[in-house]
PDB file of N, CA and C in Angstrom:
ATOM      1  N   MET A   1      11.091  -5.910 -17.718  1.00  0.00           N
ATOM      2  CA  MET A   1      10.924  -6.126 -16.285  1.00  0.00           C
ATOM      3  C   MET A   1       9.880  -7.207 -16.050  1.00  0.00           C
ATOM      4  N   THR A   2      10.158  -8.063 -15.077  1.00  0.00           N
ATOM      5  CA  THR A   2       9.171  -9.060 -14.681  1.00  0.00           C
ATOM      6  C   THR A   2       8.105  -8.392 -13.806  1.00  0.00           C
ATOM      7  N   ASN A   3       6.997  -9.088 -13.593  1.00  0.00           N
ATOM      8  CA  ASN A   3       5.946  -8.538 -12.728  1.00  0.00           C
ATOM      9  C   ASN A   3       6.462  -8.289 -11.320  1.00  0.00           C
ATOM     10  N   LYS A   4       7.317  -9.190 -10.829  1.00  0.00           N
ATOM     11  CA  LYS A   4       7.885  -9.023  -9.493  1.00  0.00           C
ATOM     12  C   LYS A   4       8.763  -7.770  -9.431  1.00  0.00           C
ATOM     13  N   GLN A   5       9.566  -7.546 -10.450  1.00  0.00           N
ATOM     14  CA  GLN A   5      10.424  -6.354 -10.509  1.00  0.00           C
ATOM     15  C   GLN A   5       9.584  -5.073 -10.602  1.00  0.00           C
ATOM     16  N   ILE A   6       8.510  -5.135 -11.381  1.00  0.00           N
ATOM     17  CA  ILE A   6       7.615  -3.980 -11.490  1.00  0.00           C
ATOM     18  C   ILE A   6       7.008  -3.676 -10.126  1.00  0.00           C
ATOM     19  N   GLY A   7       6.586  -4.720  -9.417  1.00  0.00           N
ATOM     20  CA  GLY A   7       6.012  -4.541  -8.081  1.00  0.00           C
ATOM     21  C   GLY A   7       6.996  -3.911  -7.110  1.00  0.00           C
ATOM     22  N   LYS A   8       8.226  -4.400  -7.103  1.00  0.00           N
ATOM     23  CA  LYS A   8       9.252  -3.844  -6.206  1.00  0.00           C
ATOM     24  C   LYS A   8       9.570  -2.396  -6.569  1.00  0.00           C
ATOM     25  N   TYR A   9       9.663  -2.113  -7.853  1.00  0.00           N
ATOM     26  CA  TYR A   9       9.910  -0.748  -8.304  1.00  0.00           C
ATOM     27  C   TYR A   9       8.773   0.173  -7.859  1.00  0.00           C
ATOM     28  N   GLY A  10       7.547  -0.297  -8.018  1.00  0.00           N
ATOM     29  CA  GLY A  10       6.387   0.480  -7.592  1.00  0.00           C
ATOM     30  C   GLY A  10       6.390   0.751  -6.101  1.00  0.00           C
ATOM     31  N   GLU A  11       6.786  -0.239  -5.310  1.00  0.00           N
ATOM     32  CA  GLU A  11       6.851  -0.037  -3.858  1.00  0.00           C
ATOM     33  C   GLU A  11       7.896   1.004  -3.485  1.00  0.00           C
ATOM     34  N   GLU A  12       9.020   1.023  -4.187  1.00  0.00           N
ATOM     35  CA  GLU A  12      10.036   2.056  -3.935  1.00  0.00           C
ATOM     36  C   GLU A  12       9.504   3.439  -4.304  1.00  0.00           C
ATOM     37  N   LEU A  13       8.822   3.524  -5.445  1.00  0.00           N
ATOM     38  CA  LEU A  13       8.209   4.805  -5.843  1.00  0.00           C
ATOM     39  C   LEU A  13       7.195   5.254  -4.794  1.00  0.00           C
ATOM     40  N   ALA A  14       6.388   4.314  -4.315  1.00  0.00           N
ATOM     41  CA  ALA A  14       5.359   4.637  -3.320  1.00  0.00           C
ATOM     42  C   ALA A  14       5.985   5.116  -2.019  1.00  0.00           C
ATOM     43  N   LYS A  15       7.065   4.463  -1.566  1.00  0.00           N
ATOM     44  CA  LYS A  15       7.737   4.899  -0.336  1.00  0.00           C
ATOM     45  C   LYS A  15       8.216   6.337  -0.478  1.00  0.00           C
ATOM     46  N   ASN A  16       8.857   6.655  -1.585  1.00  0.00           N
ATOM     47  CA  ASN A  16       9.341   8.025  -1.813  1.00  0.00           C
ATOM     48  C   ASN A  16       8.180   9.015  -1.881  1.00  0.00           C
ATOM     49  N   PHE A  17       7.090   8.632  -2.538  1.00  0.00           N
ATOM     50  CA  PHE A  17       5.876   9.444  -2.629  1.00  0.00           C
ATOM     51  C   PHE A  17       5.360   9.760  -1.231  1.00  0.00           C
ATOM     52  N   LEU A  18       5.288   8.757  -0.374  1.00  0.00           N
ATOM     53  CA  LEU A  18       4.774   8.935   0.990  1.00  0.00           C
ATOM     54  C   LEU A  18       5.711   9.786   1.845  1.00  0.00           C
ATOM     55  N   ILE A  19       7.003   9.544   1.746  1.00  0.00           N
ATOM     56  CA  ILE A  19       7.975  10.317   2.523  1.00  0.00           C
ATOM     57  C   ILE A  19       7.866  11.798   2.170  1.00  0.00           C
ATOM     58  N   LYS A  20       7.701  12.105   0.883  1.00  0.00           N
ATOM     59  CA  LYS A  20       7.549  13.500   0.459  1.00  0.00           C
ATOM     60  C   LYS A  20       6.280  14.136   1.020  1.00  0.00           C
ATOM     61  N   LYS A  21       5.281  13.298   1.332  1.00  0.00           N
ATOM     62  CA  LYS A  21       4.025  13.788   1.901  1.00  0.00           C
ATOM     63  C   LYS A  21       4.040  13.790   3.435  1.00  0.00           C
ATOM     64  N   GLY A  22       5.200  13.490   4.027  1.00  0.00           N
ATOM     65  CA  GLY A  22       5.329  13.583   5.473  1.00  0.00           C
ATOM     66  C   GLY A  22       5.073  12.300   6.246  1.00  0.00           C
ATOM     67  N   TYR A  23       4.997  11.175   5.565  1.00  0.00           N
ATOM     68  CA  TYR A  23       4.802   9.885   6.233  1.00  0.00           C
ATOM     69  C   TYR A  23       6.137   9.338   6.711  1.00  0.00           C
ATOM     70  N   LYS A  24       6.095   8.604   7.820  1.00  0.00           N
ATOM     71  CA  LYS A  24       7.273   7.880   8.307  1.00  0.00           C
ATOM     72  C   LYS A  24       7.027   6.399   8.019  1.00  0.00           C
ATOM     73  N   ILE A  25       7.912   5.788   7.256  1.00  0.00           N
ATOM     74  CA  ILE A  25       7.773   4.380   6.897  1.00  0.00           C
ATOM     75  C   ILE A  25       8.210   3.527   8.093  1.00  0.00           C
ATOM     76  N   LEU A  26       7.315   2.650   8.558  1.00  0.00           N
ATOM     77  CA  LEU A  26       7.606   1.784   9.701  1.00  0.00           C
ATOM     78  C   LEU A  26       7.999   0.369   9.271  1.00  0.00           C
ATOM     79  N   GLU A  27       7.312  -0.154   8.277  1.00  0.00           N
ATOM     80  CA  GLU A  27       7.546  -1.520   7.801  1.00  0.00           C
ATOM     81  C   GLU A  27       7.280  -1.583   6.305  1.00  0.00           C
ATOM     82  N   THR A  28       7.951  -2.518   5.646  1.00  0.00           N
ATOM     83  CA  THR A  28       7.612  -2.833   4.260  1.00  0.00           C
ATOM     84  C   THR A  28       7.482  -4.347   4.157  1.00  0.00           C
ATOM     85  N   ASN A  29       6.571  -4.773   3.319  1.00  0.00           N
ATOM     86  CA  ASN A  29       6.309  -6.191   3.088  1.00  0.00           C
ATOM     87  C   ASN A  29       6.107  -6.961   4.387  1.00  0.00           C
ATOM     88  N   TYR A  30       5.234  -6.439   5.225  1.00  0.00           N
ATOM     89  CA  TYR A  30       4.923  -7.058   6.514  1.00  0.00           C
ATOM     90  C   TYR A  30       3.998  -8.249   6.289  1.00  0.00           C
ATOM     91  N   ARG A  31       4.426  -9.419   6.744  1.00  0.00           N
ATOM     92  CA  ARG A  31       3.669 -10.662   6.535  1.00  0.00           C
ATOM     93  C   ARG A  31       2.999 -11.141   7.801  1.00  0.00           C
ATOM     94  N   TYR A  32       1.747 -11.547   7.640  1.00  0.00           N
ATOM     95  CA  TYR A  32       0.965 -12.177   8.703  1.00  0.00           C
ATOM     96  C   TYR A  32       0.914 -13.680   8.465  1.00  0.00           C
ATOM     97  N   SER A  33       0.868 -14.085   7.212  1.00  0.00           N
ATOM     98  CA  SER A  33       0.863 -15.495   6.836  1.00  0.00           C
ATOM     99  C   SER A  33       1.418 -15.588   5.417  1.00  0.00           C
ATOM    100  N   LYS A  34       1.350 -16.774   4.850  1.00  0.00           N
ATOM    101  CA  LYS A  34       1.847 -16.928   3.479  1.00  0.00           C
ATOM    102  C   LYS A  34       1.052 -16.096   2.479  1.00  0.00           C
ATOM    103  N   ILE A  35      -0.217 -15.835   2.800  1.00  0.00           N
ATOM    104  CA  ILE A  35      -1.045 -15.115   1.833  1.00  0.00           C
ATOM    105  C   ILE A  35      -1.382 -13.685   2.244  1.00  0.00           C
ATOM    106  N   ALA A  36      -1.145 -13.335   3.490  1.00  0.00           N
ATOM    107  CA  ALA A  36      -1.502 -11.989   3.964  1.00  0.00           C
ATOM    108  C   ALA A  36      -0.251 -11.138   4.135  1.00  0.00           C
ATOM    109  N   GLU A  37      -0.191 -10.064   3.361  1.00  0.00           N
ATOM    110  CA  GLU A  37       0.957  -9.164   3.418  1.00  0.00           C
ATOM    111  C   GLU A  37       0.479  -7.735   3.213  1.00  0.00           C
ATOM    112  N   ILE A  38       1.148  -6.824   3.887  1.00  0.00           N
ATOM    113  CA  ILE A  38       0.901  -5.396   3.682  1.00  0.00           C
ATOM    114  C   ILE A  38       2.173  -4.815   3.085  1.00  0.00           C
ATOM    115  N   ASP A  39       2.018  -4.107   1.970  1.00  0.00           N
ATOM    116  CA  ASP A  39       3.189  -3.571   1.273  1.00  0.00           C
ATOM    117  C   ASP A  39       3.933  -2.540   2.112  1.00  0.00           C
ATOM    118  N   ILE A  40       3.196  -1.579   2.665  1.00  0.00           N
ATOM    119  CA  ILE A  40       3.831  -0.512   3.447  1.00  0.00           C
ATOM    120  C   ILE A  40       2.977  -0.214   4.673  1.00  0.00           C
ATOM    121  N   ILE A  41       3.636  -0.128   5.819  1.00  0.00           N
ATOM    122  CA  ILE A  41       2.994   0.381   7.030  1.00  0.00           C
ATOM    123  C   ILE A  41       3.704   1.681   7.359  1.00  0.00           C
ATOM    124  N   ALA A  42       2.927   2.742   7.485  1.00  0.00           N
ATOM    125  CA  ALA A  42       3.516   4.065   7.712  1.00  0.00           C
ATOM    126  C   ALA A  42       2.702   4.810   8.762  1.00  0.00           C
ATOM    127  N   ARG A  43       3.329   5.857   9.298  1.00  0.00           N
ATOM    128  CA  ARG A  43       2.661   6.708  10.289  1.00  0.00           C
ATOM    129  C   ARG A  43       2.722   8.145   9.808  1.00  0.00           C
ATOM    130  N   LYS A  44       1.603   8.822   9.997  1.00  0.00           N
ATOM    131  CA  LYS A  44       1.573  10.268   9.772  1.00  0.00           C
ATOM    132  C   LYS A  44       0.726  10.860  10.880  1.00  0.00           C
ATOM    133  N   ASN A  45       1.336  11.768  11.623  1.00  0.00           N
ATOM    134  CA  ASN A  45       0.703  12.349  12.808  1.00  0.00           C
ATOM    135  C   ASN A  45       0.323  11.213  13.762  1.00  0.00           C
ATOM    136  N   ASP A  46      -0.935  11.107  14.164  1.00  0.00           N
ATOM    137  CA  ASP A  46      -1.310  10.047  15.110  1.00  0.00           C
ATOM    138  C   ASP A  46      -2.061   8.906  14.423  1.00  0.00           C
ATOM    139  N   THR A  47      -1.878   8.775  13.102  1.00  0.00           N
ATOM    140  CA  THR A  47      -2.591   7.739  12.349  1.00  0.00           C
ATOM    141  C   THR A  47      -1.612   6.735  11.756  1.00  0.00           C
ATOM    142  N   LEU A  48      -1.965   5.472  11.907  1.00  0.00           N
ATOM    143  CA  LEU A  48      -1.214   4.361  11.326  1.00  0.00           C
ATOM    144  C   LEU A  48      -1.870   4.019   9.990  1.00  0.00           C
ATOM    145  N   HIS A  49      -1.059   3.915   8.931  1.00  0.00           N
ATOM    146  CA  HIS A  49      -1.569   3.658   7.585  1.00  0.00           C
ATOM    147  C   HIS A  49      -1.067   2.303   7.096  1.00  0.00           C
ATOM    148  N   PHE A  50      -2.004   1.469   6.659  1.00  0.00           N
ATOM    149  CA  PHE A  50      -1.692   0.186   6.036  1.00  0.00           C
ATOM    150  C   PHE A  50      -1.936   0.383   4.545  1.00  0.00           C
ATOM    151  N   ILE A  51      -0.858   0.298   3.751  1.00  0.00           N
ATOM    152  CA  ILE A  51      -0.923   0.751   2.361  1.00  0.00           C
ATOM    153  C   ILE A  51      -0.641  -0.382   1.391  1.00  0.00           C
ATOM    154  N   GLU A  52      -1.585  -0.595   0.501  1.00  0.00           N
ATOM    155  CA  GLU A  52      -1.429  -1.545  -0.597  1.00  0.00           C
ATOM    156  C   GLU A  52      -0.941  -0.772  -1.809  1.00  0.00           C
ATOM    157  N   VAL A  53       0.070  -1.304  -2.487  1.00  0.00           N
ATOM    158  CA  VAL A  53       0.627  -0.660  -3.671  1.00  0.00           C
ATOM    159  C   VAL A  53       0.389  -1.574  -4.873  1.00  0.00           C
ATOM    160  N   LYS A  54      -0.217  -1.035  -5.914  1.00  0.00           N
ATOM    161  CA  LYS A  54      -0.416  -1.770  -7.155  1.00  0.00           C
ATOM    162  C   LYS A  54       0.217  -0.982  -8.284  1.00  0.00           C
ATOM    163  N   THR A  55       1.071  -1.642  -9.040  1.00  0.00           N
ATOM    164  CA  THR A  55       1.793  -0.994 -10.126  1.00  0.00           C
ATOM    165  C   THR A  55       1.494  -1.734 -11.425  1.00  0.00           C
ATOM    166  N   ARG A  56       1.218  -0.991 -12.462  1.00  0.00           N
ATOM    167  CA  ARG A  56       0.931  -1.560 -13.770  1.00  0.00           C
ATOM    168  C   ARG A  56       1.687  -0.773 -14.839  1.00  0.00           C
ATOM    169  N   LYS A  57       1.940  -1.459 -15.974  1.00  0.00           N
ATOM    170  CA  LYS A  57       2.594  -0.811 -17.112  1.00  0.00           C
ATOM    171  C   LYS A  57       1.589  -0.175 -18.064  1.00  0.00           C
ATOM    172  N   SER A  58       0.307  -0.555 -17.926  1.00  0.00           N
ATOM    173  CA  SER A  58      -0.734   0.054 -18.762  1.00  0.00           C
ATOM    174  C   SER A  58      -2.081  -0.140 -18.078  1.00  0.00           C
ATOM    175  N   ASN A  59      -3.078   0.536 -18.609  1.00  0.00           N
ATOM    176  CA  ASN A  59      -4.447   0.394 -18.117  1.00  0.00           C
ATOM    177  C   ASN A  59      -5.250  -0.586 -18.970  1.00  0.00           C
ATOM    178  N   LEU A  60      -4.571  -1.360 -19.784  1.00  0.00           N
ATOM    179  CA  LEU A  60      -5.235  -2.271 -20.717  1.00  0.00           C
ATOM    180  C   LEU A  60      -6.235  -3.191 -20.017  1.00  0.00           C
ATOM    181  N   PHE A  61      -5.883  -3.675 -18.839  1.00  0.00           N
ATOM    182  CA  PHE A  61      -6.772  -4.569 -18.098  1.00  0.00           C
ATOM    183  C   PHE A  61      -7.352  -3.887 -16.862  1.00  0.00           C
ATOM    184  N   GLY A  62      -7.452  -2.576 -16.890  1.00  0.00           N
ATOM    185  CA  GLY A  62      -7.973  -1.802 -15.766  1.00  0.00           C
ATOM    186  C   GLY A  62      -6.861  -1.031 -15.087  1.00  0.00           C
ATOM    187  N   THR A  63      -7.254  -0.091 -14.273  1.00  0.00           N
ATOM    188  CA  THR A  63      -6.273   0.727 -13.558  1.00  0.00           C
ATOM    189  C   THR A  63      -5.644  -0.087 -12.435  1.00  0.00           C
ATOM    190  N   PRO A  64      -4.499   0.351 -11.934  1.00  0.00           N
ATOM    191  CA  PRO A  64      -3.894  -0.355 -10.807  1.00  0.00           C
ATOM    192  C   PRO A  64      -4.834  -0.449  -9.601  1.00  0.00           C
ATOM    193  N   ILE A  65      -5.558   0.616  -9.312  1.00  0.00           N
ATOM    194  CA  ILE A  65      -6.483   0.630  -8.178  1.00  0.00           C
ATOM    195  C   ILE A  65      -7.564  -0.438  -8.341  1.00  0.00           C
ATOM    196  N   GLU A  66      -8.041  -0.604  -9.568  1.00  0.00           N
ATOM    197  CA  GLU A  66      -9.091  -1.590  -9.822  1.00  0.00           C
ATOM    198  C   GLU A  66      -8.636  -3.018  -9.582  1.00  0.00           C
ATOM    199  N   ALA A  67      -7.335  -3.235  -9.501  1.00  0.00           N
ATOM    200  CA  ALA A  67      -6.797  -4.580  -9.258  1.00  0.00           C
ATOM    201  C   ALA A  67      -6.911  -4.994  -7.794  1.00  0.00           C
ATOM    202  N   VAL A  68      -7.267  -4.075  -6.922  1.00  0.00           N
ATOM    203  CA  VAL A  68      -7.410  -4.391  -5.498  1.00  0.00           C
ATOM    204  C   VAL A  68      -8.863  -4.787  -5.243  1.00  0.00           C
ATOM    205  N   ASN A  69      -9.078  -6.084  -5.060  1.00  0.00           N
ATOM    206  CA  ASN A  69     -10.440  -6.580  -4.871  1.00  0.00           C
ATOM    207  C   ASN A  69     -10.766  -6.758  -3.382  1.00  0.00           C
ATOM    208  N   GLN A  70     -11.985  -7.152  -3.103  1.00  0.00           N
ATOM    209  CA  GLN A  70     -12.433  -7.303  -1.717  1.00  0.00           C
ATOM    210  C   GLN A  70     -11.647  -8.383  -0.974  1.00  0.00           C
ATOM    211  N   THR A  71     -11.269  -9.431  -1.666  1.00  0.00           N
ATOM    212  CA  THR A  71     -10.466 -10.486  -1.036  1.00  0.00           C
ATOM    213  C   THR A  71      -9.142  -9.921  -0.541  1.00  0.00           C
ATOM    214  N   LYS A  72      -8.500  -9.087  -1.355  1.00  0.00           N
ATOM    215  CA  LYS A  72      -7.233  -8.467  -0.963  1.00  0.00           C
ATOM    216  C   LYS A  72      -7.444  -7.520   0.209  1.00  0.00           C
ATOM    217  N   ILE A  73      -8.526  -6.757   0.180  1.00  0.00           N
ATOM    218  CA  ILE A  73      -8.816  -5.832   1.283  1.00  0.00           C
ATOM    219  C   ILE A  73      -9.032  -6.611   2.583  1.00  0.00           C
ATOM    220  N   ASN A  74      -9.754  -7.722   2.515  1.00  0.00           N
ATOM    221  CA  ASN A  74      -9.959  -8.557   3.705  1.00  0.00           C
ATOM    222  C   ASN A  74      -8.637  -9.104   4.239  1.00  0.00           C
ATOM    223  N   SER A  75      -7.743  -9.463   3.347  1.00  0.00           N
ATOM    224  CA  SER A  75      -6.419  -9.942   3.735  1.00  0.00           C
ATOM    225  C   SER A  75      -5.629  -8.832   4.444  1.00  0.00           C
ATOM    226  N   ILE A  76      -5.710  -7.624   3.922  1.00  0.00           N
ATOM    227  CA  ILE A  76      -5.025  -6.474   4.537  1.00  0.00           C
ATOM    228  C   ILE A  76      -5.593  -6.207   5.931  1.00  0.00           C
ATOM    229  N   ILE A  77      -6.916  -6.280   6.060  1.00  0.00           N
ATOM    230  CA  ILE A  77      -7.553  -6.055   7.359  1.00  0.00           C
ATOM    231  C   ILE A  77      -7.070  -7.079   8.379  1.00  0.00           C
ATOM    232  N   ALA A  78      -7.016  -8.358   7.993  1.00  0.00           N
ATOM    233  CA  ALA A  78      -6.534  -9.408   8.903  1.00  0.00           C
ATOM    234  C   ALA A  78      -5.093  -9.148   9.316  1.00  0.00           C
ATOM    235  N   CYS A  79      -4.269  -8.784   8.361  1.00  0.00           N
ATOM    236  CA  CYS A  79      -2.855  -8.506   8.634  1.00  0.00           C
ATOM    237  C   CYS A  79      -2.713  -7.257   9.515  1.00  0.00           C
ATOM    238  N   ALA A  80      -3.506  -6.236   9.248  1.00  0.00           N
ATOM    239  CA  ALA A  80      -3.461  -4.998  10.037  1.00  0.00           C
ATOM    240  C   ALA A  80      -3.859  -5.274  11.482  1.00  0.00           C
ATOM    241  N   ASN A  81      -4.904  -6.062  11.679  1.00  0.00           N
ATOM    242  CA  ASN A  81      -5.325  -6.423  13.039  1.00  0.00           C
ATOM    243  C   ASN A  81      -4.220  -7.154  13.785  1.00  0.00           C
ATOM    244  N   PHE A  82      -3.547  -8.074  13.099  1.00  0.00           N
ATOM    245  CA  PHE A  82      -2.433  -8.811  13.707  1.00  0.00           C
ATOM    246  C   PHE A  82      -1.314  -7.841  14.099  1.00  0.00           C
ATOM    247  N   TYR A  83      -0.987  -6.911  13.203  1.00  0.00           N
ATOM    248  CA  TYR A  83       0.071  -5.937  13.479  1.00  0.00           C
ATOM    249  C   TYR A  83      -0.273  -5.092  14.706  1.00  0.00           C
ATOM    250  N   ILE A  84      -1.502  -4.581  14.740  1.00  0.00           N
ATOM    251  CA  ILE A  84      -1.929  -3.726  15.853  1.00  0.00           C
ATOM    252  C   ILE A  84      -1.891  -4.484  17.175  1.00  0.00           C
ATOM    253  N   GLN A  85      -2.368  -5.721  17.167  1.00  0.00           N
ATOM    254  CA  GLN A  85      -2.391  -6.534  18.389  1.00  0.00           C
ATOM    255  C   GLN A  85      -0.993  -6.834  18.911  1.00  0.00           C
ATOM    256  N   ASN A  86      -0.025  -6.907  18.017  1.00  0.00           N
ATOM    257  CA  ASN A  86       1.338  -7.261  18.414  1.00  0.00           C
ATOM    258  C   ASN A  86       2.286  -6.068  18.498  1.00  0.00           C
ATOM    259  N   SER A  87       1.758  -4.881  18.296  1.00  0.00           N
ATOM    260  CA  SER A  87       2.584  -3.677  18.353  1.00  0.00           C
ATOM    261  C   SER A  87       2.768  -3.224  19.797  1.00  0.00           C
ATOM    262  N   LYS A  88       3.956  -2.770  20.098  1.00  0.00           N
ATOM    263  CA  LYS A  88       4.227  -2.216  21.420  1.00  0.00           C
ATOM    264  C   LYS A  88       3.782  -0.758  21.500  1.00  0.00           C
ATOM    265  N   GLN A  89       3.524  -0.182  20.352  1.00  0.00           N
ATOM    266  CA  GLN A  89       3.104   1.215  20.232  1.00  0.00           C
ATOM    267  C   GLN A  89       1.579   1.289  20.161  1.00  0.00           C
ATOM    268  N   TYR A  90       0.994   2.288  20.801  1.00  0.00           N
ATOM    269  CA  TYR A  90      -0.447   2.510  20.716  1.00  0.00           C
ATOM    270  C   TYR A  90      -0.725   3.544  19.628  1.00  0.00           C
ATOM    271  N   TYR A  91      -1.678   3.250  18.773  1.00  0.00           N
ATOM    272  CA  TYR A  91      -2.075   4.190  17.729  1.00  0.00           C
ATOM    273  C   TYR A  91      -3.545   4.530  17.908  1.00  0.00           C
ATOM    274  N   LYS A  92      -3.831   5.808  17.962  1.00  0.00           N
ATOM    275  CA  LYS A  92      -5.202   6.269  18.173  1.00  0.00           C
ATOM    276  C   LYS A  92      -6.082   5.952  16.964  1.00  0.00           C
ATOM    277  N   ASN A  93      -5.542   6.131  15.774  1.00  0.00           N
ATOM    278  CA  ASN A  93      -6.297   5.919  14.537  1.00  0.00           C
ATOM    279  C   ASN A  93      -5.501   5.046  13.583  1.00  0.00           C
ATOM    280  N   PHE A  94      -6.231   4.314  12.758  1.00  0.00           N
ATOM    281  CA  PHE A  94      -5.567   3.577  11.684  1.00  0.00           C
ATOM    282  C   PHE A  94      -6.508   3.487  10.490  1.00  0.00           C
ATOM    283  N   GLN A  95      -5.914   3.288   9.324  1.00  0.00           N
ATOM    284  CA  GLN A  95      -6.706   3.213   8.104  1.00  0.00           C
ATOM    285  C   GLN A  95      -5.968   2.429   7.036  1.00  0.00           C
ATOM    286  N   ILE A  96      -6.737   2.036   6.015  1.00  0.00           N
ATOM    287  CA  ILE A  96      -6.180   1.337   4.866  1.00  0.00           C
ATOM    288  C   ILE A  96      -6.207   2.287   3.681  1.00  0.00           C
ATOM    289  N   ASP A  97      -5.070   2.383   2.994  1.00  0.00           N
ATOM    290  CA  ASP A  97      -4.934   3.240   1.821  1.00  0.00           C
ATOM    291  C   ASP A  97      -4.447   2.386   0.651  1.00  0.00           C
ATOM    292  N   ILE A  98      -4.674   2.882  -0.554  1.00  0.00           N
ATOM    293  CA  ILE A  98      -4.162   2.223  -1.756  1.00  0.00           C
ATOM    294  C   ILE A  98      -3.430   3.254  -2.598  1.00  0.00           C
ATOM    295  N   ILE A  99      -2.267   2.863  -3.094  1.00  0.00           N
ATOM    296  CA  ILE A  99      -1.544   3.690  -4.060  1.00  0.00           C
ATOM    297  C   ILE A  99      -1.469   2.893  -5.355  1.00  0.00           C
ATOM    298  N   GLY A 100      -2.044   3.462  -6.415  1.00  0.00           N
ATOM    299  CA  GLY A 100      -1.940   2.873  -7.742  1.00  0.00           C
ATOM    300  C   GLY A 100      -0.908   3.650  -8.533  1.00  0.00           C
ATOM    301  N   ILE A 101      -0.016   2.915  -9.190  1.00  0.00           N
ATOM    302  CA  ILE A 101       1.043   3.573  -9.963  1.00  0.00           C
ATOM    303  C   ILE A 101       1.037   3.023 -11.381  1.00  0.00           C
ATOM    304  N   LEU A 102       0.977   3.924 -12.334  1.00  0.00           N
ATOM    305  CA  LEU A 102       1.041   3.563 -13.744  1.00  0.00           C
ATOM    306  C   LEU A 102       2.404   3.982 -14.267  1.00  0.00           C
ATOM    307  N   ILE A 103       3.156   3.016 -14.783  1.00  0.00           N
ATOM    308  CA  ILE A 103       4.513   3.318 -15.278  1.00  0.00           C
ATOM    309  C   ILE A 103       4.599   2.977 -16.766  1.00  0.00           C
ATOM    310  N   GLU A 104       3.935   3.786 -17.555  1.00  0.00           N
ATOM    311  CA  GLU A 104       3.962   3.580 -18.998  1.00  0.00           C
ATOM    312  C   GLU A 104       5.329   3.983 -19.549  1.00  0.00           C
ATOM    313  N   LYS A 105       5.748   3.290 -20.581  1.00  0.00           N
ATOM    314  CA  LYS A 105       7.059   3.514 -21.191  1.00  0.00           C
ATOM    315  C   LYS A 105       7.228   4.974 -21.624  1.00  0.00           C
ATOM    316  N   ASP A 106       8.389   5.534 -21.330  1.00  0.00           N
ATOM    317  CA  ASP A 106       8.771   6.903 -21.725  1.00  0.00           C
ATOM    318  C   ASP A 106       7.900   7.994 -21.109  1.00  0.00           C
ATOM    319  N   LYS A 107       7.197   7.690 -20.011  1.00  0.00           N
ATOM    320  CA  LYS A 107       6.391   8.693 -19.317  1.00  0.00           C
ATOM    321  C   LYS A 107       6.749   8.676 -17.837  1.00  0.00           C
ATOM    322  N   LYS A 108       6.477   9.811 -17.183  1.00  0.00           N
ATOM    323  CA  LYS A 108       6.664   9.868 -15.735  1.00  0.00           C
ATOM    324  C   LYS A 108       5.613   8.992 -15.069  1.00  0.00           C
ATOM    325  N   PRO A 109       5.960   8.322 -13.970  1.00  0.00           N
ATOM    326  CA  PRO A 109       4.959   7.519 -13.261  1.00  0.00           C
ATOM    327  C   PRO A 109       3.777   8.387 -12.821  1.00  0.00           C
ATOM    328  N   GLU A 110       2.582   7.821 -12.938  1.00  0.00           N
ATOM    329  CA  GLU A 110       1.359   8.493 -12.497  1.00  0.00           C
ATOM    330  C   GLU A 110       0.870   7.816 -11.226  1.00  0.00           C
ATOM    331  N   PHE A 111       0.544   8.614 -10.216  1.00  0.00           N
ATOM    332  CA  PHE A 111       0.106   8.108  -8.921  1.00  0.00           C
ATOM    333  C   PHE A 111      -1.373   8.410  -8.709  1.00  0.00           C
ATOM    334  N   GLU A 112      -2.074   7.437  -8.159  1.00  0.00           N
ATOM    335  CA  GLU A 112      -3.435   7.630  -7.679  1.00  0.00           C
ATOM    336  C   GLU A 112      -3.443   7.147  -6.235  1.00  0.00           C
ATOM    337  N   PHE A 113      -3.835   8.016  -5.319  1.00  0.00           N
ATOM    338  CA  PHE A 113      -3.761   7.720  -3.882  1.00  0.00           C
ATOM    339  C   PHE A 113      -5.165   7.750  -3.293  1.00  0.00           C
ATOM    340  N   LEU A 114      -5.673   6.591  -2.930  1.00  0.00           N
ATOM    341  CA  LEU A 114      -6.976   6.499  -2.286  1.00  0.00           C
ATOM    342  C   LEU A 114      -6.739   6.318  -0.789  1.00  0.00           C
ATOM    343  N   GLU A 115      -7.170   7.297  -0.033  1.00  0.00           N
ATOM    344  CA  GLU A 115      -6.952   7.263   1.413  1.00  0.00           C
ATOM    345  C   GLU A 115      -8.191   6.778   2.145  1.00  0.00           C
ATOM    346  N   ASN A 116      -7.940   6.016   3.182  1.00  0.00           N
ATOM    347  CA  ASN A 116      -8.955   5.562   4.113  1.00  0.00           C
ATOM    348  C   ASN A 116     -10.113   4.835   3.430  1.00  0.00           C
ATOM    349  N   ILE A 117      -9.778   3.812   2.657  1.00  0.00           N
ATOM    350  CA  ILE A 117     -10.823   3.035   1.996  1.00  0.00           C
ATOM    351  C   ILE A 117     -11.615   2.208   2.991  1.00  0.00           C
ATOM    352  N   SER A 118     -11.106   2.109   4.213  1.00  0.00           N
ATOM    353  CA  SER A 118     -11.766   1.313   5.242  1.00  0.00           C
ATOM    354  C   SER A 118     -12.780   2.122   6.042  1.00  0.00           C
ATOM    355  N   ALA A 119     -12.967   3.388   5.681  1.00  0.00           N
ATOM    356  CA  ALA A 119     -13.898   4.248   6.431  1.00  0.00           C
ATOM    357  C   ALA A 119     -15.329   3.796   6.208  1.00  0.00           C
ATOM    358  N   ASN A 120     -16.125   3.942   7.244  1.00  0.00           N
ATOM    359  CA  ASN A 120     -17.546   3.587   7.140  1.00  0.00           C
ATOM    360  C   ASN A 120     -18.354   4.781   6.672  1.00  0.00           C
TER     361      ASN A 120
END
């Protein structure tokens, strides 16, 4: 699998993971610009979730979660603000979450879900 295929596979796994947890998927691969994208936008109860998905085949170069740096988080925040400003729907709460997925050969995918990384 190419890195792009691994990423798409991980996003599908993440969508199914979220749906099983009661999330409603609103958007996937939402773009604000050429460099700003949010993998999944979902709603659960009265909260809007902007979710970054990172998928890796091994932890050799760090966990999937560790691959999300401050630059990426800033990009997600900019994209989330654009989405909220242009949404016809009002959301009382919103947050940024990260789903890390490890898909090692011959093993079940492992999920790590960090919720509300944008909390103060």
